[in-house]
C-alpha atoms as a PDB file:
ATOM      1  CA  MET A   1     111.668  57.421  10.508  1.00  0.00           C
ATOM      2  CA  LYS A   2     113.891  55.818  13.165  1.00  0.00           C
ATOM      3  CA  ASN A   3     115.152  58.819  14.167  1.00  0.00           C
ATOM      4  CA  TYR A   4     111.921  60.286  15.271  1.00  0.00           C
ATOM      5  CA  LEU A   5     111.319  57.120  17.229  1.00  0.00           C
ATOM      6  CA  TRP A   6     114.125  57.321  19.067  1.00  0.00           C
ATOM      7  CA  LEU A   7     113.641  61.277  19.594  1.00  0.00           C
ATOM      8  CA  ALA A   8     109.755  60.135  20.758  1.00  0.00           C
ATOM      9  CA  LEU A   9     111.461  57.439  23.143  1.00  0.00           C
ATOM     10  CA  ILE A  10     113.911  60.209  24.561  1.00  0.00           C
ATOM     11  CA  ILE A  11     110.930  62.389  25.160  1.00  0.00           C
ATOM     12  CA  VAL A  12     108.926  59.991  26.760  1.00  0.00           C
ATOM     13  CA  LEU A  13     111.707  59.007  29.116  1.00  0.00           C
ATOM     14  CA  ILE A  14     112.420  62.439  30.090  1.00  0.00           C
ATOM     15  CA  PHE A  15     109.078  63.089  31.375  1.00  0.00           C
ATOM     16  CA  ALA A  16     108.645  59.069  32.977  1.00  0.00           C
ATOM     17  CA  ILE A  17     111.717  59.749  34.936  1.00  0.00           C
ATOM     18  CA  THR A  18     110.940  63.368  36.047  1.00  0.00           C
ATOM     19  CA  LEU A  19     107.260  62.050  36.878  1.00  0.00           C
ATOM     20  CA  ALA A  20     108.896  59.560  38.722  1.00  0.00           C
ATOM     21  CA  GLY A  21     110.940  61.858  40.584  1.00  0.00           C
ATOM     22  CA  ALA A  22     107.874  63.651  41.495  1.00  0.00           C
ATOM     23  CA  ILE A  23     106.223  60.507  42.989  1.00  0.00           C
ATOM     24  CA  PHE A  24     109.121  59.138  44.716  1.00  0.00           C
ATOM     25  CA  SER A  25     110.401  62.162  46.306  1.00  0.00           C
ATOM     26  CA  PRO A  26     110.870  61.884  49.986  1.00  0.00           C
ATOM     27  CA  SER A  27     109.998  65.763  50.977  1.00  0.00           C
ATOM     28  CA  PHE A  28     107.033  68.030  49.751  1.00  0.00           C
ATOM     29  CA  SER A  29     109.531  70.665  48.298  1.00  0.00           C
ATOM     30  CA  GLU A  30     111.331  68.219  46.172  1.00  0.00           C
ATOM     31  CA  ARG A  31     108.041  66.665  44.892  1.00  0.00           C
ATOM     32  CA  MET A  32     107.077  70.306  43.977  1.00  0.00           C
ATOM     33  CA  SER A  33     110.097  71.089  42.174  1.00  0.00           C
ATOM     34  CA  TYR A  34     109.659  67.690  40.349  1.00  0.00           C
ATOM     35  CA  LEU A  35     106.054  68.628  39.360  1.00  0.00           C
ATOM     36  CA  GLU A  36     107.326  72.484  38.355  1.00  0.00           C
ATOM     37  CA  LEU A  37     109.930  70.355  35.969  1.00  0.00           C
ATOM     38  CA  PHE A  38     107.624  68.158  34.799  1.00  0.00           C
ATOM     39  CA  MET A  39     105.309  71.357  33.865  1.00  0.00           C
ATOM     40  CA  THR A  40     108.077  73.327  32.330  1.00  0.00           C
ATOM     41  CA  MET A  41     109.237  70.356  30.168  1.00  0.00           C
ATOM     42  CA  GLY A  42     105.246  69.732  28.851  1.00  0.00           C
ATOM     43  CA  SER A  43     105.238  73.553  28.036  1.00  0.00           C
ATOM     44  CA  LEU A  44     108.823  73.191  26.266  1.00  0.00           C
ATOM     45  CA  LEU A  45     107.463  70.306  24.263  1.00  0.00           C
ATOM     46  CA  PHE A  46     104.303  72.165  23.260  1.00  0.00           C
ATOM     47  CA  VAL A  47     105.962  75.010  22.096  1.00  0.00           C
ATOM     48  CA  PHE A  48     108.766  73.094  20.069  1.00  0.00           C
ATOM     49  CA  SER A  49     105.749  70.993  18.757  1.00  0.00           C
ATOM     50  CA  VAL A  50     103.883  74.065  17.593  1.00  0.00           C
ATOM     51  CA  LEU A  51     106.952  75.409  15.781  1.00  0.00           C
ATOM     52  CA  VAL A  52     107.258  71.898  14.188  1.00  0.00           C
ATOM     53  CA  VAL A  53     104.052  71.570  12.835  1.00  0.00           C
ATOM     54  CA  VAL A  54     103.986  75.240  11.613  1.00  0.00           C
ATOM     55  CA  ALA A  55     107.383  74.697   9.936  1.00  0.00           C
ATOM     56  CA  ILE A  56     105.799  71.428   8.268  1.00  0.00           C
ATOM     57  CA  LEU A  57     102.726  72.984   6.777  1.00  0.00           C
ATOM     58  CA  GLY A  58     105.004  75.396   4.884  1.00  0.00           C
ATOM     59  CA  PHE A  59     103.911  78.536   6.206  1.00  0.00           C
ATOM     60  CA  SER A  60     105.559  81.752   5.030  1.00  0.00           C
ATOM     61  CA  SER A  61     108.566  82.858   7.486  1.00  0.00           C
ATOM     62  CA  PHE A  62     105.932  85.332   8.738  1.00  0.00           C
ATOM     63  CA  ALA A  63     104.067  82.783  10.436  1.00  0.00           C
ATOM     64  CA  ILE A  64     107.041  80.879  11.939  1.00  0.00           C
ATOM     65  CA  PHE A  65     108.347  84.119  13.112  1.00  0.00           C
ATOM     66  CA  LEU A  66     104.612  84.471  14.753  1.00  0.00           C
ATOM     67  CA  ALA A  67     104.740  81.162  16.147  1.00  0.00           C
ATOM     68  CA  ILE A  68     108.284  81.740  17.748  1.00  0.00           C
ATOM     69  CA  ILE A  69     107.074  85.033  19.346  1.00  0.00           C
ATOM     70  CA  ALA A  70     103.659  83.299  20.352  1.00  0.00           C
ATOM     71  CA  SER A  71     105.457  80.600  21.986  1.00  0.00           C
ATOM     72  CA  ILE A  72     107.881  82.850  23.739  1.00  0.00           C
ATOM     73  CA  ILE A  73     104.645  84.917  25.071  1.00  0.00           C
ATOM     74  CA  MET A  74     103.207  81.949  25.988  1.00  0.00           C
ATOM     75  CA  ALA A  75     106.046  80.585  28.203  1.00  0.00           C
ATOM     76  CA  ILE A  76     106.307  84.159  29.540  1.00  0.00           C
ATOM     77  CA  PHE A  77     102.689  85.625  30.324  1.00  0.00           C
ATOM     78  CA  GLY A  78     100.332  82.544  29.465  1.00  0.00           C
ATOM     79  CA  VAL A  79      98.032  81.275  27.245  1.00  0.00           C
ATOM     80  CA  GLU A  80      95.238  83.949  27.528  1.00  0.00           C
ATOM     81  CA  ILE A  81      98.110  86.733  26.587  1.00  0.00           C
ATOM     82  CA  ALA A  82      99.328  84.628  23.620  1.00  0.00           C
ATOM     83  CA  LEU A  83      95.599  84.258  22.177  1.00  0.00           C
ATOM     84  CA  ILE A  84      94.933  87.901  22.524  1.00  0.00           C
ATOM     85  CA  MET A  85      98.601  88.254  20.600  1.00  0.00           C
ATOM     86  CA  ILE A  86      97.542  85.941  17.991  1.00  0.00           C
ATOM     87  CA  GLY A  87      94.074  87.548  17.760  1.00  0.00           C
ATOM     88  CA  ILE A  88      95.422  90.736  17.296  1.00  0.00           C
ATOM     89  CA  THR A  89      97.808  89.634  14.904  1.00  0.00           C
ATOM     90  CA  TYR A  90      95.211  87.924  12.763  1.00  0.00           C
ATOM     91  CA  ALA A  91      92.873  91.101  12.693  1.00  0.00           C
ATOM     92  CA  SER A  92      95.939  93.123  11.345  1.00  0.00           C
ATOM     93  CA  TRP A  93      97.012  91.084   8.883  1.00  0.00           C
ATOM     94  CA  GLY A  94      93.762  90.280   7.634  1.00  0.00           C
ATOM     95  CA  LEU A  95      92.567  93.558   7.521  1.00  0.00           C
ATOM     96  CA  ILE A  96      95.476  94.569   5.358  1.00  0.00           C
ATOM     97  CA  PHE A  97      95.013  91.724   2.895  1.00  0.00           C
ATOM     98  CA  ALA A  98      91.322  92.761   2.572  1.00  0.00           C
ATOM     99  CA  MET A  99      92.289  96.281   2.138  1.00  0.00           C
ATOM    100  CA  GLN A 100      94.554  95.653  -0.578  1.00  0.00           C
ATOM    101  CA  LEU A 101      91.651  93.075  -2.317  1.00  0.00           C
ATOM    102  CA  LEU A 102      89.420  96.441  -2.271  1.00  0.00           C
ATOM    103  CA  LEU A 103      92.092  98.430  -3.565  1.00  0.00           C
ATOM    104  CA  PHE A 104      92.897  95.698  -6.197  1.00  0.00           C
ATOM    105  CA  GLU A 105      89.118  95.958  -7.554  1.00  0.00           C
ATOM    106  CA  HIS A 106      88.914  99.355  -7.623  1.00  0.00           C
ATOM    107  CA  GLY A 107      91.898  99.451 -10.146  1.00  0.00           C
ATOM    108  CA  ALA A 108      94.958 100.557  -7.599  1.00  0.00           C
ATOM    109  CA  LYS A 109      98.043  99.386  -9.380  1.00  0.00           C
ATOM    110  CA  GLY A 110      99.963  99.092  -6.231  1.00  0.00           C
ATOM    111  CA  ALA A 111      97.448  96.685  -5.068  1.00  0.00           C
ATOM    112  CA  LYS A 112      98.278  94.385  -8.017  1.00  0.00           C
ATOM    113  CA  GLU A 113     102.378  94.881  -7.568  1.00  0.00           C
ATOM    114  CA  TRP A 114     101.434  94.054  -3.994  1.00  0.00           C
ATOM    115  CA  PHE A 115      99.895  90.509  -5.060  1.00  0.00           C
ATOM    116  CA  ILE A 116     102.397  89.804  -7.695  1.00  0.00           C
ATOM    117  CA  ASP A 117     105.383  90.700  -5.418  1.00  0.00           C
ATOM    118  CA  ARG A 118     104.062  88.371  -2.147  1.00  0.00           C
ATOM    119  CA  TYR A 119     102.045  85.296  -3.471  1.00  0.00           C
ATOM    120  CA  THR A 120     101.883  82.597  -5.353  1.00  0.00           C
ATOM    121  CA  HIS A 121      98.435  80.879  -6.977  1.00  0.00           C
ATOM    122  CA  ARG A 122      98.471  78.504  -3.960  1.00  0.00           C
ATOM    123  CA  SER A 123      99.695  80.967  -1.192  1.00  0.00           C
ATOM    124  CA  PHE A 124      96.949  83.534  -2.149  1.00  0.00           C
ATOM    125  CA  PHE A 125      94.076  81.180  -2.110  1.00  0.00           C
ATOM    126  CA  VAL A 126      95.463  80.129   1.394  1.00  0.00           C
ATOM    127  CA  GLU A 127      95.161  83.564   2.723  1.00  0.00           C
ATOM    128  CA  TYR A 128      92.254  84.297   1.215  1.00  0.00           C
ATOM    129  CA  ARG A 129      90.312  81.391   2.570  1.00  0.00           C
ATOM    130  CA  PHE A 130      91.821  82.012   5.863  1.00  0.00           C
ATOM    131  CA  PHE A 131      91.082  85.909   5.892  1.00  0.00           C
ATOM    132  CA  TYR A 132      87.953  85.561   4.019  1.00  0.00           C
ATOM    133  CA  PRO A 133      85.737  86.726   7.316  1.00  0.00           C
ATOM    134  CA  LEU A 134      87.505  90.105   7.370  1.00  0.00           C
ATOM    135  CA  LEU A 135      86.874  90.479   3.998  1.00  0.00           C
ATOM    136  CA  GLY A 136      83.202  91.228   4.661  1.00  0.00           C
ATOM    137  CA  VAL A 137      84.774  93.620   7.655  1.00  0.00           C
ATOM    138  CA  VAL A 138      86.428  95.845   5.656  1.00  0.00           C
ATOM    139  CA  TYR A 139      83.709  95.786   2.871  1.00  0.00           C
ATOM    140  CA  LEU A 140      81.091  96.981   5.817  1.00  0.00           C
ATOM    141  CA  LEU A 141      83.627  99.724   7.062  1.00  0.00           C
ATOM    142  CA  LEU A 142      84.895 100.890   3.867  1.00  0.00           C
ATOM    143  CA  GLU A 143      82.003 100.593   1.500  1.00  0.00           C
ATOM    144  CA  LEU A 144      78.586  99.968   3.571  1.00  0.00           C
ATOM    145  CA  LEU A 145      79.129 102.359   6.196  1.00  0.00           C
ATOM    146  CA  PRO A 146      79.888 105.402   3.909  1.00  0.00           C
ATOM    147  CA  TYR A 147      77.182 104.470   1.627  1.00  0.00           C
ATOM    148  CA  LEU A 148      74.412 104.434   4.890  1.00  0.00           C
ATOM    149  CA  ILE A 149      75.809 107.581   6.014  1.00  0.00           C
ATOM    150  CA  PHE A 150      76.801 109.962   2.871  1.00  0.00           C
ATOM    151  CA  LYS A 151      74.640 108.228   0.175  1.00  0.00           C
ATOM    152  CA  ASP A 152      78.008 107.456  -1.636  1.00  0.00           C
ATOM    153  CA  ASN A 153      78.092 105.209  -4.411  1.00  0.00           C
ATOM    154  CA  ILE A 154      78.510 101.641  -3.328  1.00  0.00           C
ATOM    155  CA  ALA A 155      80.439  98.634  -5.281  1.00  0.00           C
ATOM    156  CA  ALA A 156      79.217  95.379  -5.319  1.00  0.00           C
ATOM    157  CA  PHE A 157      81.109  92.805  -3.229  1.00  0.00           C
ATOM    158  CA  LYS A 158      81.936  89.399  -4.910  1.00  0.00           C
ATOM    159  CA  PRO A 159      85.137  88.185  -3.419  1.00  0.00           C
ATOM    160  CA  SER A 160      85.143  85.150  -5.767  1.00  0.00           C
ATOM    161  CA  ALA A 161      85.308  87.357  -8.719  1.00  0.00           C
ATOM    162  CA  ILE A 162      88.068  89.409  -7.041  1.00  0.00           C
ATOM    163  CA  ALA A 163      89.863  86.460  -6.243  1.00  0.00           C
ATOM    164  CA  ASP A 164      89.356  85.047  -9.857  1.00  0.00           C
ATOM    165  CA  LYS A 165      90.938  88.022 -11.559  1.00  0.00           C
ATOM    166  CA  ILE A 166      94.172  87.974  -9.211  1.00  0.00           C
ATOM    167  CA  ASP A 167      94.444  84.380  -9.867  1.00  0.00           C
ATOM    168  CA  LYS A 168      94.728  85.266 -13.571  1.00  0.00           C
ATOM    169  CA  ILE A 169      97.405  87.642 -12.699  1.00  0.00           C
ATOM    170  CA  LEU A 170      99.257  85.375 -10.734  1.00  0.00           C
ATOM    171  CA  LYS A 171      99.252  82.390 -13.087  1.00  0.00           C
ATOM    172  CA  SER A 172     100.187  84.489 -16.161  1.00  0.00           C
END
């Protein structure tokens, strides 16, 4: 714990010295340089703190990679583009997860193998809760719309029942 206190003290001192340089600089251009350095140091601190939080929470390497890429994009292009990238990644991975759930419900062996290869009991339920809103979107697109347009058979949608089946498989 003492190491973390020293790290926090060093970070605070770096910011304090940089801010003092911005306040007590004799010329306007020097003040702007110090303020720009202060903002850059804050951005870097934010990027590294996001990486640390993601690593401590224990997400898979995919999430750590996403955090690194999002941090780089945020530093280069700004927060808005990073949020768009995170939203697109959430939607694409969530739709894949939701489609695999529907394939599993309809008895596809590949979907069963996909869940066994990639998930533990805990990691499955983390992603299940995280991508729950997209389950409804995929059900709407792949089951409900074809039913309304072509009058095909429609399967009942019970995500908790699907999750229980997968949980039994993952526990065995």
